[in-house]
C-alpha atoms as a PDB file:
ATOM      1  CA  UNK A   1     -67.838 174.642  87.590  1.00  0.00           C
ATOM      2  CA  UNK A   2     -68.007 176.557  90.845  1.00  0.00           C
ATOM      3  CA  UNK A   3     -64.668 178.642  90.388  1.00  0.00           C
ATOM      4  CA  UNK A   4     -64.133 180.915  87.417  1.00  0.00           C
ATOM      5  CA  UNK A   5     -64.683 178.813  84.404  1.00  0.00           C
ATOM      6  CA  UNK A   6     -60.989 179.382  82.962  1.00  0.00           C
ATOM      7  CA  UNK A   7     -59.326 178.569  86.301  1.00  0.00           C
ATOM      8  CA  UNK A   8     -61.298 175.314  86.782  1.00  0.00           C
ATOM      9  CA  UNK A   9     -60.829 174.215  83.351  1.00  0.00           C
ATOM     10  CA  UNK A  10     -56.938 174.353  83.691  1.00  0.00           C
ATOM     11  CA  UNK A  11     -57.179 172.224  86.546  1.00  0.00           C
ATOM     12  CA  UNK A  12     -59.763 169.903  85.019  1.00  0.00           C
ATOM     13  CA  UNK A  13     -57.859 169.950  81.706  1.00  0.00           C
ATOM     14  CA  UNK A  14     -54.888 168.176  83.024  1.00  0.00           C
ATOM     15  CA  UNK A  15     -56.617 165.671  84.767  1.00  0.00           C
ATOM     16  CA  UNK A  16     -58.732 164.992  81.596  1.00  0.00           C
ATOM     17  CA  UNK A  17     -55.910 164.752  79.295  1.00  0.00           C
ATOM     18  CA  UNK A  18     -54.199 162.182  81.692  1.00  0.00           C
ATOM     19  CA  UNK A  19     -57.420 159.914  81.945  1.00  0.00           C
ATOM     20  CA  UNK A  20     -57.947 160.067  78.073  1.00  0.00           C
ATOM     21  CA  UNK A  21     -54.402 158.592  77.725  1.00  0.00           C
ATOM     22  CA  UNK A  22     -55.336 155.461  79.764  1.00  0.00           C
ATOM     23  CA  UNK A  23     -56.786 152.549  78.028  1.00  0.00           C
ATOM     24  CA  UNK A  24     -60.680 152.438  78.657  1.00  0.00           C
ATOM     25  CA  UNK A  25     -60.739 149.734  80.907  1.00  0.00           C
ATOM     26  CA  UNK A  26     -58.097 151.400  83.296  1.00  0.00           C
ATOM     27  CA  UNK A  27     -60.045 154.665  83.322  1.00  0.00           C
ATOM     28  CA  UNK A  28     -62.801 153.880  86.189  1.00  0.00           C
ATOM     29  CA  UNK A  29     -60.102 152.379  88.778  1.00  0.00           C
ATOM     30  CA  UNK A  30     -58.193 155.833  88.123  1.00  0.00           C
ATOM     31  CA  UNK A  31     -61.210 157.770  88.817  1.00  0.00           C
ATOM     32  CA  UNK A  32     -62.279 155.758  91.960  1.00  0.00           C
ATOM     33  CA  UNK A  33     -58.597 156.403  93.305  1.00  0.00           C
ATOM     34  CA  UNK A  34     -59.078 160.259  92.369  1.00  0.00           C
ATOM     35  CA  UNK A  35     -62.837 160.315  93.915  1.00  0.00           C
ATOM     36  CA  UNK A  36     -61.358 159.463  97.476  1.00  0.00           C
ATOM     37  CA  UNK A  37     -59.333 162.844  97.200  1.00  0.00           C
ATOM     38  CA  UNK A  38     -61.454 164.823  95.059  1.00  0.00           C
ATOM     39  CA  UNK A  39     -65.001 163.653  94.529  1.00  0.00           C
ATOM     40  CA  UNK A  40     -66.217 166.684  92.503  1.00  0.00           C
ATOM     41  CA  UNK A  41     -63.252 166.418  90.186  1.00  0.00           C
ATOM     42  CA  UNK A  42     -63.904 162.575  89.760  1.00  0.00           C
ATOM     43  CA  UNK A  43     -67.629 163.546  89.058  1.00  0.00           C
ATOM     44  CA  UNK A  44     -66.884 166.259  86.380  1.00  0.00           C
ATOM     45  CA  UNK A  45     -64.458 163.898  84.642  1.00  0.00           C
ATOM     46  CA  UNK A  46     -66.901 161.041  84.528  1.00  0.00           C
ATOM     47  CA  UNK A  47     -69.203 163.455  82.849  1.00  0.00           C
ATOM     48  CA  UNK A  48     -66.660 164.929  80.347  1.00  0.00           C
ATOM     49  CA  UNK A  49     -65.664 161.292  79.520  1.00  0.00           C
ATOM     50  CA  UNK A  50     -69.531 160.217  79.032  1.00  0.00           C
ATOM     51  CA  UNK A  51     -69.461 163.330  76.462  1.00  0.00           C
ATOM     52  CA  UNK A  52     -66.227 162.254  74.843  1.00  0.00           C
ATOM     53  CA  UNK A  53     -67.357 158.406  74.514  1.00  0.00           C
ATOM     54  CA  UNK A  54     -70.700 159.720  73.206  1.00  0.00           C
ATOM     55  CA  UNK A  55     -69.052 161.793  70.468  1.00  0.00           C
ATOM     56  CA  UNK A  56     -66.662 159.012  69.437  1.00  0.00           C
ATOM     57  CA  UNK A  57     -69.464 156.290  69.099  1.00  0.00           C
ATOM     58  CA  UNK A  58     -71.432 158.817  66.981  1.00  0.00           C
ATOM     59  CA  UNK A  59     -68.508 159.356  64.514  1.00  0.00           C
ATOM     60  CA  UNK A  60     -69.072 163.134  65.025  1.00  0.00           C
ATOM     61  CA  UNK A  61     -65.112 163.555  64.169  1.00  0.00           C
ATOM     62  CA  UNK A  62     -64.971 161.065  61.429  1.00  0.00           C
ATOM     63  CA  UNK A  63     -67.473 162.587  58.939  1.00  0.00           C
ATOM     64  CA  UNK A  64     -67.935 166.081  57.383  1.00  0.00           C
ATOM     65  CA  UNK A  65     -70.919 167.740  58.256  1.00  0.00           C
ATOM     66  CA  UNK A  66     -71.590 168.391  54.382  1.00  0.00           C
ATOM     67  CA  UNK A  67     -71.796 164.553  53.685  1.00  0.00           C
ATOM     68  CA  UNK A  68     -75.140 164.108  52.002  1.00  0.00           C
ATOM     69  CA  UNK A  69     -75.925 167.890  51.850  1.00  0.00           C
ATOM     70  CA  UNK A  70     -76.223 170.019  48.729  1.00  0.00           C
ATOM     71  CA  UNK A  71     -75.138 173.422  48.368  1.00  0.00           C
ATOM     72  CA  UNK A  72     -78.043 175.366  46.879  1.00  0.00           C
ATOM     73  CA  UNK A  73     -78.749 178.715  45.488  1.00  0.00           C
ATOM     74  CA  UNK A  74     -80.993 181.045  47.432  1.00  0.00           C
ATOM     75  CA  UNK A  75     -84.005 179.603  45.810  1.00  0.00           C
ATOM     76  CA  UNK A  76     -82.865 176.296  47.014  1.00  0.00           C
ATOM     77  CA  UNK A  77     -83.302 174.396  43.745  1.00  0.00           C
ATOM     78  CA  UNK A  78     -80.111 174.616  42.200  1.00  0.00           C
ATOM     79  CA  UNK A  79     -76.647 173.341  43.162  1.00  0.00           C
ATOM     80  CA  UNK A  80     -73.963 176.351  43.029  1.00  0.00           C
ATOM     81  CA  UNK A  81     -71.389 175.945  40.245  1.00  0.00           C
ATOM     82  CA  UNK A  82     -67.619 175.623  41.612  1.00  0.00           C
ATOM     83  CA  UNK A  83     -66.265 179.223  41.314  1.00  0.00           C
ATOM     84  CA  UNK A  84     -69.620 180.701  41.823  1.00  0.00           C
ATOM     85  CA  UNK A  85     -69.305 183.897  44.044  1.00  0.00           C
ATOM     86  CA  UNK A  86     -71.653 183.994  46.634  1.00  0.00           C
ATOM     87  CA  UNK A  87     -74.098 186.891  46.546  1.00  0.00           C
ATOM     88  CA  UNK A  88     -73.652 187.369  42.785  1.00  0.00           C
ATOM     89  CA  UNK A  89     -76.235 186.430  40.090  1.00  0.00           C
END
């Protein structure tokens, strides 16, 4: 982002919201039209959409980061009982 990040994000954010509202098949034509007037913005939106698509495909927002993880004591071998105060023995 060439401008101040906050200023640029306020510009990009509006367009990102708009393109995310489109059906996936309509995004590329929309970006192509934008590219004719603002190639840098279109490139930035393509990058953000690729990151968005990768996160969606990975299921990042659909699962808990703790699934399959166990909460263990400092020794690492026993689960903490429900209601246990961290830092107490």
